[in-house]
Amino acid sequence: MKNIQFATLGGGCFWGVEKFLQDTPGVIDAVSGYAGGSFIDPTYSDVCGGRTGHAEVVNVEFDADVISYSSLLEKFIPKYGKTSSSNLDSVSQYRSIVLYRNSEQEEATKKVFEKLEATSGKKVVTQVVALEKFYPAEDFHQDYHGSCRVAV
């Protein structure tokens, strides 16, 4: 039996993040969407217009017996994390963000950041906030890898 868990991560264009996560062993599914803002039921147009506060994120379903939440972050943050302090205050849809679901994920995120900072010598300034609601993006944004400028 699989140990199914979820994570919600953002690091720029959700298409690149989605593809990167889908290719990660232990990830079962990755769904593009929006989170981190206050607007209810946002559309892509709403988010792009900067009116929602949401980031483009990916909701990740993974088997924690294959890849732990911490290991998932250890793969994600070096590629999509930020070291510029301006990211902490950003409301850009492309900001780097980890949205935790419970206190265990919040604590694990802090520990991963500390570990990565110790090994890289750079402060990780990816936003870390509680997930309030994930809104799946429109169907035409799912599994779409053709136009993203982020290297995958």
N, C-alpha and C. Protein backbone atom coordinates (compact mmCIF):
# COMPACT_ATOMS: atom_id res chain seq x y z
N MET A 1 0.84 -1.17 0.00
CA MET A 1 0.00 0.00 0.00
C MET A 1 0.89 1.25 0.00
N LYS A 2 0.50 2.23 -0.77
CA LYS A 2 1.27 3.47 -0.88
C LYS A 2 0.98 4.40 0.29
N ASN A 3 1.99 5.20 0.64
CA ASN A 3 1.87 6.21 1.68
C ASN A 3 1.66 7.55 0.98
N ILE A 4 0.42 7.83 0.59
CA ILE A 4 0.09 9.00 -0.23
C ILE A 4 0.07 10.26 0.62
N GLN A 5 0.82 11.27 0.15
CA GLN A 5 0.83 12.58 0.77
C GLN A 5 0.77 13.65 -0.32
N PHE A 6 0.60 14.89 0.11
CA PHE A 6 0.50 16.00 -0.84
C PHE A 6 1.41 17.14 -0.41
N ALA A 7 1.90 17.87 -1.41
CA ALA A 7 2.69 19.08 -1.20
C ALA A 7 2.23 20.09 -2.23
N THR A 8 2.33 21.38 -1.90
CA THR A 8 1.98 22.43 -2.85
C THR A 8 3.15 23.39 -2.95
N LEU A 9 3.70 23.51 -4.16
CA LEU A 9 4.95 24.23 -4.38
C LEU A 9 4.82 25.15 -5.59
N GLY A 10 5.45 26.32 -5.51
CA GLY A 10 5.47 27.24 -6.63
C GLY A 10 6.86 27.80 -6.84
N GLY A 11 7.22 27.98 -8.10
CA GLY A 11 8.56 28.49 -8.40
C GLY A 11 8.65 29.10 -9.78
N GLY A 12 7.68 29.89 -10.15
CA GLY A 12 7.67 30.46 -11.48
C GLY A 12 6.53 29.87 -12.28
N CYS A 13 6.72 29.81 -13.55
CA CYS A 13 5.73 29.23 -14.46
C CYS A 13 5.35 27.83 -14.00
N PHE A 14 4.07 27.58 -13.77
CA PHE A 14 3.71 26.27 -13.24
C PHE A 14 3.96 25.14 -14.21
N TRP A 15 4.04 25.43 -15.50
CA TRP A 15 4.28 24.36 -16.47
C TRP A 15 5.65 23.72 -16.26
N GLY A 16 6.68 24.52 -16.04
CA GLY A 16 8.01 23.98 -15.81
C GLY A 16 8.09 23.22 -14.50
N VAL A 17 7.48 23.77 -13.46
CA VAL A 17 7.47 23.11 -12.15
C VAL A 17 6.72 21.79 -12.25
N GLU A 18 5.57 21.81 -12.93
CA GLU A 18 4.77 20.59 -13.08
C GLU A 18 5.58 19.49 -13.76
N LYS A 19 6.23 19.81 -14.84
CA LYS A 19 7.03 18.82 -15.58
C LYS A 19 8.17 18.29 -14.72
N PHE A 20 8.89 19.18 -14.04
CA PHE A 20 9.99 18.78 -13.17
C PHE A 20 9.49 17.80 -12.10
N LEU A 21 8.37 18.12 -11.49
CA LEU A 21 7.86 17.26 -10.42
C LEU A 21 7.31 15.95 -10.97
N GLN A 22 6.64 15.98 -12.11
CA GLN A 22 6.12 14.75 -12.70
C GLN A 22 7.24 13.77 -13.02
N ASP A 23 8.43 14.29 -13.32
CA ASP A 23 9.57 13.45 -13.65
C ASP A 23 10.34 12.98 -12.43
N THR A 24 9.90 13.35 -11.24
CA THR A 24 10.58 12.99 -10.00
C THR A 24 10.08 11.64 -9.51
N PRO A 25 10.97 10.66 -9.32
CA PRO A 25 10.53 9.35 -8.82
C PRO A 25 9.79 9.48 -7.49
N GLY A 26 8.66 8.80 -7.39
CA GLY A 26 7.82 8.85 -6.20
C GLY A 26 6.64 9.78 -6.35
N VAL A 27 6.70 10.69 -7.34
CA VAL A 27 5.56 11.58 -7.59
C VAL A 27 4.53 10.82 -8.41
N ILE A 28 3.32 10.84 -7.92
CA ILE A 28 2.22 10.14 -8.59
C ILE A 28 1.51 11.06 -9.57
N ASP A 29 1.29 12.31 -9.13
CA ASP A 29 0.60 13.26 -10.00
C ASP A 29 1.02 14.68 -9.60
N ALA A 30 0.97 15.57 -10.55
CA ALA A 30 1.27 16.98 -10.31
C ALA A 30 0.24 17.79 -11.09
N VAL A 31 -0.48 18.66 -10.40
CA VAL A 31 -1.57 19.42 -10.99
C VAL A 31 -1.27 20.91 -10.87
N SER A 32 -1.26 21.61 -11.98
CA SER A 32 -1.03 23.06 -11.98
C SER A 32 -2.25 23.78 -11.42
N GLY A 33 -1.97 24.88 -10.70
CA GLY A 33 -3.08 25.66 -10.15
C GLY A 33 -2.60 26.94 -9.49
N TYR A 34 -3.44 27.44 -8.59
CA TYR A 34 -3.20 28.73 -7.94
C TYR A 34 -3.41 28.58 -6.44
N ALA A 35 -2.58 29.28 -5.66
CA ALA A 35 -2.73 29.29 -4.20
C ALA A 35 -1.93 30.45 -3.64
N GLY A 36 -2.22 30.77 -2.39
CA GLY A 36 -1.45 31.79 -1.69
C GLY A 36 -2.05 33.18 -1.74
N GLY A 37 -3.22 33.32 -2.34
CA GLY A 37 -3.87 34.61 -2.43
C GLY A 37 -5.22 34.59 -1.74
N SER A 38 -5.97 35.64 -1.93
CA SER A 38 -7.25 35.75 -1.24
C SER A 38 -8.47 35.70 -2.17
N PHE A 39 -8.24 35.72 -3.45
CA PHE A 39 -9.31 35.73 -4.46
C PHE A 39 -9.92 34.34 -4.57
N ILE A 40 -11.24 34.22 -4.54
CA ILE A 40 -11.92 32.92 -4.62
C ILE A 40 -12.13 32.55 -6.07
N ASP A 41 -11.83 31.29 -6.38
CA ASP A 41 -12.00 30.72 -7.73
C ASP A 41 -11.34 31.55 -8.83
N PRO A 42 -10.03 31.80 -8.71
CA PRO A 42 -9.35 32.61 -9.72
C PRO A 42 -9.21 31.88 -11.05
N THR A 43 -9.17 32.64 -12.10
CA THR A 43 -8.85 32.13 -13.43
C THR A 43 -7.41 32.53 -13.76
N TYR A 44 -6.88 31.96 -14.81
CA TYR A 44 -5.54 32.34 -15.25
C TYR A 44 -5.46 33.83 -15.54
N SER A 45 -6.49 34.35 -16.17
CA SER A 45 -6.54 35.77 -16.49
C SER A 45 -6.52 36.62 -15.21
N ASP A 46 -7.26 36.21 -14.20
CA ASP A 46 -7.26 36.92 -12.92
C ASP A 46 -5.86 36.93 -12.30
N VAL A 47 -5.23 35.77 -12.26
CA VAL A 47 -3.91 35.64 -11.63
C VAL A 47 -2.88 36.45 -12.41
N CYS A 48 -2.91 36.35 -13.73
CA CYS A 48 -1.96 37.11 -14.57
C CYS A 48 -2.18 38.61 -14.44
N GLY A 49 -3.39 39.01 -14.15
CA GLY A 49 -3.70 40.42 -14.01
C GLY A 49 -3.22 41.00 -12.69
N GLY A 50 -2.71 40.14 -11.80
CA GLY A 50 -2.16 40.61 -10.55
C GLY A 50 -3.19 41.04 -9.52
N ARG A 51 -4.43 40.61 -9.71
CA ARG A 51 -5.50 41.06 -8.82
C ARG A 51 -5.81 40.08 -7.69
N THR A 52 -5.13 38.93 -7.65
CA THR A 52 -5.57 37.87 -6.74
C THR A 52 -4.63 37.60 -5.58
N GLY A 53 -3.36 37.91 -5.72
CA GLY A 53 -2.37 37.55 -4.71
C GLY A 53 -1.91 36.11 -4.82
N HIS A 54 -2.49 35.33 -5.72
CA HIS A 54 -2.13 33.92 -5.88
C HIS A 54 -0.82 33.77 -6.66
N ALA A 55 -0.14 32.68 -6.36
CA ALA A 55 1.03 32.26 -7.12
C ALA A 55 0.61 31.09 -8.02
N GLU A 56 1.32 30.95 -9.12
CA GLU A 56 1.16 29.74 -9.93
C GLU A 56 1.89 28.64 -9.17
N VAL A 57 1.17 27.57 -8.82
CA VAL A 57 1.74 26.50 -8.01
C VAL A 57 1.39 25.15 -8.61
N VAL A 58 2.00 24.13 -8.03
CA VAL A 58 1.69 22.76 -8.43
C VAL A 58 1.34 21.97 -7.17
N ASN A 59 0.21 21.31 -7.22
CA ASN A 59 -0.21 20.42 -6.15
C ASN A 59 0.33 19.03 -6.47
N VAL A 60 1.17 18.52 -5.60
CA VAL A 60 1.90 17.29 -5.87
C VAL A 60 1.37 16.16 -5.00
N GLU A 61 0.98 15.08 -5.64
CA GLU A 61 0.62 13.84 -4.93
C GLU A 61 1.84 12.93 -5.03
N PHE A 62 2.33 12.45 -3.88
CA PHE A 62 3.53 11.63 -3.90
C PHE A 62 3.42 10.48 -2.91
N ASP A 63 4.22 9.45 -3.16
CA ASP A 63 4.30 8.30 -2.28
C ASP A 63 5.47 8.53 -1.33
N ALA A 64 5.17 8.82 -0.08
CA ALA A 64 6.20 9.15 0.91
C ALA A 64 7.10 7.96 1.24
N ASP A 65 6.72 6.76 0.83
CA ASP A 65 7.61 5.61 0.99
C ASP A 65 8.69 5.59 -0.08
N VAL A 66 8.48 6.34 -1.15
CA VAL A 66 9.46 6.43 -2.24
C VAL A 66 10.26 7.72 -2.13
N ILE A 67 9.59 8.82 -1.87
CA ILE A 67 10.25 10.11 -1.68
C ILE A 67 9.56 10.85 -0.53
N SER A 68 10.32 11.23 0.45
CA SER A 68 9.75 11.95 1.59
C SER A 68 9.45 13.39 1.20
N TYR A 69 8.67 14.04 2.02
CA TYR A 69 8.38 15.46 1.82
C TYR A 69 9.70 16.25 1.83
N SER A 70 10.57 15.95 2.79
CA SER A 70 11.86 16.66 2.88
C SER A 70 12.70 16.43 1.64
N SER A 71 12.76 15.20 1.16
CA SER A 71 13.54 14.90 -0.05
C SER A 71 12.97 15.61 -1.27
N LEU A 72 11.65 15.71 -1.33
CA LEU A 72 11.01 16.43 -2.42
C LEU A 72 11.44 17.90 -2.41
N LEU A 73 11.43 18.49 -1.22
CA LEU A 73 11.88 19.89 -1.10
C LEU A 73 13.37 20.03 -1.43
N GLU A 74 14.18 19.05 -1.04
CA GLU A 74 15.61 19.11 -1.32
C GLU A 74 15.90 19.08 -2.82
N LYS A 75 15.00 18.51 -3.60
CA LYS A 75 15.12 18.53 -5.06
C LYS A 75 14.56 19.84 -5.63
N PHE A 76 13.44 20.29 -5.07
CA PHE A 76 12.73 21.45 -5.59
C PHE A 76 13.45 22.78 -5.32
N ILE A 77 13.87 23.00 -4.08
CA ILE A 77 14.41 24.31 -3.68
C ILE A 77 15.68 24.69 -4.45
N PRO A 78 16.65 23.81 -4.66
CA PRO A 78 17.83 24.24 -5.43
C PRO A 78 17.48 24.69 -6.85
N LYS A 79 16.42 24.16 -7.42
CA LYS A 79 16.03 24.52 -8.78
C LYS A 79 15.09 25.73 -8.81
N TYR A 80 14.15 25.80 -7.87
CA TYR A 80 13.10 26.82 -7.93
C TYR A 80 13.06 27.76 -6.73
N GLY A 81 13.90 27.53 -5.75
CA GLY A 81 13.96 28.43 -4.60
C GLY A 81 14.62 29.74 -4.98
N LYS A 82 14.48 30.72 -4.13
CA LYS A 82 15.05 32.04 -4.39
C LYS A 82 16.02 32.41 -3.28
N THR A 83 17.00 33.22 -3.64
CA THR A 83 17.95 33.75 -2.66
C THR A 83 17.88 35.27 -2.60
N SER A 84 17.05 35.89 -3.42
CA SER A 84 16.87 37.35 -3.39
C SER A 84 15.80 37.69 -2.37
N SER A 85 16.13 38.56 -1.43
CA SER A 85 15.18 38.88 -0.35
C SER A 85 13.89 39.51 -0.87
N SER A 86 13.89 40.03 -2.08
CA SER A 86 12.66 40.63 -2.62
C SER A 86 11.57 39.58 -2.80
N ASN A 87 11.92 38.30 -2.89
CA ASN A 87 10.92 37.25 -3.05
C ASN A 87 10.01 37.15 -1.82
N LEU A 88 10.53 37.47 -0.64
CA LEU A 88 9.74 37.32 0.58
C LEU A 88 8.52 38.22 0.60
N ASP A 89 8.61 39.38 -0.03
CA ASP A 89 7.50 40.32 -0.06
C ASP A 89 6.73 40.28 -1.38
N SER A 90 7.17 39.45 -2.28
CA SER A 90 6.58 39.42 -3.61
C SER A 90 5.14 38.91 -3.59
N VAL A 91 4.32 39.49 -4.42
CA VAL A 91 2.98 38.97 -4.66
C VAL A 91 2.86 38.53 -6.13
N SER A 92 4.00 38.42 -6.78
CA SER A 92 4.02 37.97 -8.17
C SER A 92 3.48 36.55 -8.28
N GLN A 93 2.80 36.29 -9.36
CA GLN A 93 2.31 34.93 -9.57
C GLN A 93 3.48 33.96 -9.77
N TYR A 94 4.66 34.47 -10.06
CA TYR A 94 5.82 33.63 -10.33
C TYR A 94 6.75 33.50 -9.13
N ARG A 95 6.33 33.92 -7.95
CA ARG A 95 7.20 33.86 -6.78
C ARG A 95 7.46 32.42 -6.35
N SER A 96 8.55 32.24 -5.65
CA SER A 96 8.90 30.94 -5.09
C SER A 96 8.18 30.80 -3.75
N ILE A 97 7.42 29.69 -3.60
CA ILE A 97 6.58 29.53 -2.42
C ILE A 97 6.39 28.05 -2.08
N VAL A 98 6.39 27.76 -0.79
CA VAL A 98 6.04 26.44 -0.27
C VAL A 98 4.81 26.66 0.61
N LEU A 99 3.74 25.94 0.32
CA LEU A 99 2.51 26.05 1.10
C LEU A 99 2.33 24.76 1.89
N TYR A 100 2.57 24.82 3.18
CA TYR A 100 2.52 23.62 4.01
C TYR A 100 1.08 23.32 4.44
N ARG A 101 0.83 22.03 4.70
CA ARG A 101 -0.51 21.56 5.04
C ARG A 101 -0.70 21.30 6.53
N ASN A 102 0.40 21.15 7.26
CA ASN A 102 0.31 20.83 8.68
C ASN A 102 1.62 21.21 9.36
N SER A 103 1.66 21.07 10.67
CA SER A 103 2.85 21.48 11.42
C SER A 103 4.07 20.61 11.08
N GLU A 104 3.85 19.36 10.72
CA GLU A 104 4.97 18.50 10.33
C GLU A 104 5.63 19.00 9.05
N GLN A 105 4.83 19.40 8.07
CA GLN A 105 5.40 19.95 6.84
C GLN A 105 6.07 21.30 7.11
N GLU A 106 5.48 22.10 7.96
CA GLU A 106 6.09 23.39 8.28
C GLU A 106 7.48 23.18 8.90
N GLU A 107 7.58 22.29 9.86
CA GLU A 107 8.85 22.02 10.54
C GLU A 107 9.86 21.40 9.57
N ALA A 108 9.40 20.46 8.74
CA ALA A 108 10.29 19.83 7.76
C ALA A 108 10.84 20.87 6.79
N THR A 109 10.00 21.83 6.38
CA THR A 109 10.43 22.88 5.46
C THR A 109 11.54 23.71 6.10
N LYS A 110 11.35 24.10 7.34
CA LYS A 110 12.38 24.88 8.05
C LYS A 110 13.70 24.12 8.10
N LYS A 111 13.63 22.83 8.40
CA LYS A 111 14.85 22.02 8.51
C LYS A 111 15.55 21.88 7.16
N VAL A 112 14.79 21.70 6.11
CA VAL A 112 15.38 21.61 4.77
C VAL A 112 16.05 22.93 4.40
N PHE A 113 15.40 24.03 4.66
CA PHE A 113 15.99 25.34 4.36
C PHE A 113 17.30 25.51 5.13
N GLU A 114 17.31 25.17 6.41
CA GLU A 114 18.54 25.29 7.22
C GLU A 114 19.65 24.43 6.65
N LYS A 115 19.31 23.22 6.23
CA LYS A 115 20.30 22.31 5.65
C LYS A 115 20.86 22.88 4.34
N LEU A 116 19.99 23.34 3.48
CA LEU A 116 20.42 23.88 2.19
C LEU A 116 21.24 25.17 2.37
N GLU A 117 20.86 25.99 3.33
CA GLU A 117 21.61 27.22 3.60
C GLU A 117 23.01 26.89 4.12
N ALA A 118 23.11 25.86 4.95
CA ALA A 118 24.41 25.47 5.51
C ALA A 118 25.34 24.93 4.42
N THR A 119 24.78 24.20 3.46
CA THR A 119 25.62 23.62 2.42
C THR A 119 25.93 24.60 1.29
N SER A 120 25.01 25.53 1.02
CA SER A 120 25.23 26.47 -0.10
C SER A 120 25.84 27.80 0.35
N GLY A 121 25.67 28.13 1.62
CA GLY A 121 26.13 29.42 2.11
C GLY A 121 25.22 30.57 1.70
N LYS A 122 24.05 30.26 1.11
CA LYS A 122 23.10 31.29 0.69
C LYS A 122 21.79 31.10 1.44
N LYS A 123 21.17 32.21 1.81
CA LYS A 123 19.89 32.15 2.51
C LYS A 123 18.78 31.82 1.51
N VAL A 124 17.93 30.87 1.88
CA VAL A 124 16.76 30.54 1.06
C VAL A 124 15.65 31.49 1.48
N VAL A 125 15.12 32.23 0.52
CA VAL A 125 14.06 33.19 0.83
C VAL A 125 12.77 32.86 0.10
N THR A 126 12.56 31.59 -0.13
CA THR A 126 11.30 31.12 -0.65
C THR A 126 10.23 31.36 0.41
N GLN A 127 9.08 31.85 0.00
CA GLN A 127 7.99 32.08 0.95
C GLN A 127 7.50 30.75 1.51
N VAL A 128 7.17 30.74 2.80
CA VAL A 128 6.61 29.56 3.45
C VAL A 128 5.35 30.00 4.17
N VAL A 129 4.21 29.50 3.71
CA VAL A 129 2.92 29.89 4.29
C VAL A 129 2.00 28.67 4.36
N ALA A 130 1.01 28.76 5.22
CA ALA A 130 0.02 27.69 5.32
C ALA A 130 -0.86 27.68 4.07
N LEU A 131 -1.15 26.49 3.59
CA LEU A 131 -2.06 26.35 2.45
C LEU A 131 -3.48 26.54 2.95
N GLU A 132 -4.15 27.52 2.39
CA GLU A 132 -5.56 27.73 2.74
C GLU A 132 -6.46 27.03 1.74
N LYS A 133 -6.15 27.19 0.46
CA LYS A 133 -6.97 26.60 -0.59
C LYS A 133 -6.15 26.50 -1.86
N PHE A 134 -6.22 25.37 -2.53
CA PHE A 134 -5.61 25.16 -3.83
C PHE A 134 -6.72 25.18 -4.87
N TYR A 135 -6.51 25.97 -5.92
CA TYR A 135 -7.47 26.03 -7.03
C TYR A 135 -6.80 25.45 -8.27
N PRO A 136 -7.30 24.32 -8.78
CA PRO A 136 -6.70 23.78 -10.01
C PRO A 136 -6.85 24.77 -11.16
N ALA A 137 -5.81 24.85 -11.96
CA ALA A 137 -5.87 25.69 -13.16
C ALA A 137 -6.81 25.05 -14.18
N GLU A 138 -7.16 25.83 -15.16
CA GLU A 138 -8.03 25.36 -16.22
C GLU A 138 -7.42 24.12 -16.90
N ASP A 139 -8.26 23.29 -17.48
CA ASP A 139 -7.81 22.04 -18.10
C ASP A 139 -6.70 22.26 -19.12
N PHE A 140 -6.77 23.35 -19.89
CA PHE A 140 -5.77 23.56 -20.93
C PHE A 140 -4.39 23.89 -20.36
N HIS A 141 -4.29 24.11 -19.06
CA HIS A 141 -2.99 24.35 -18.42
C HIS A 141 -2.38 23.07 -17.84
N GLN A 142 -3.12 21.99 -17.83
CA GLN A 142 -2.61 20.75 -17.24
C GLN A 142 -1.76 19.99 -18.27
N ASP A 143 -0.64 19.46 -17.79
CA ASP A 143 0.26 18.66 -18.64
C ASP A 143 0.67 19.42 -19.90
N TYR A 144 0.86 20.70 -19.78
CA TYR A 144 1.23 21.54 -20.91
C TYR A 144 2.66 22.01 -20.70
N HIS A 145 3.56 21.49 -21.50
CA HIS A 145 4.98 21.78 -21.27
C HIS A 145 5.62 22.54 -22.42
N GLY A 146 4.86 22.96 -23.40
CA GLY A 146 5.44 23.51 -24.61
C GLY A 146 5.92 24.95 -24.57
N SER A 147 5.33 25.79 -23.75
CA SER A 147 5.64 27.22 -23.85
C SER A 147 6.42 27.80 -22.70
N CYS A 148 6.70 27.04 -21.69
CA CYS A 148 7.36 27.60 -20.51
C CYS A 148 8.81 27.89 -20.79
N ARG A 149 9.26 29.06 -20.35
CA ARG A 149 10.64 29.48 -20.56
C ARG A 149 11.58 28.89 -19.51
N VAL A 150 11.04 28.25 -18.47
CA VAL A 150 11.88 27.67 -17.43
C VAL A 150 12.48 26.36 -17.95
N ALA A 151 13.77 26.20 -17.78
CA ALA A 151 14.42 24.97 -18.23
C ALA A 151 13.92 23.79 -17.43
N VAL A 152 13.59 22.71 -18.11
CA VAL A 152 13.14 21.50 -17.43
C VAL A 152 14.07 20.35 -17.72
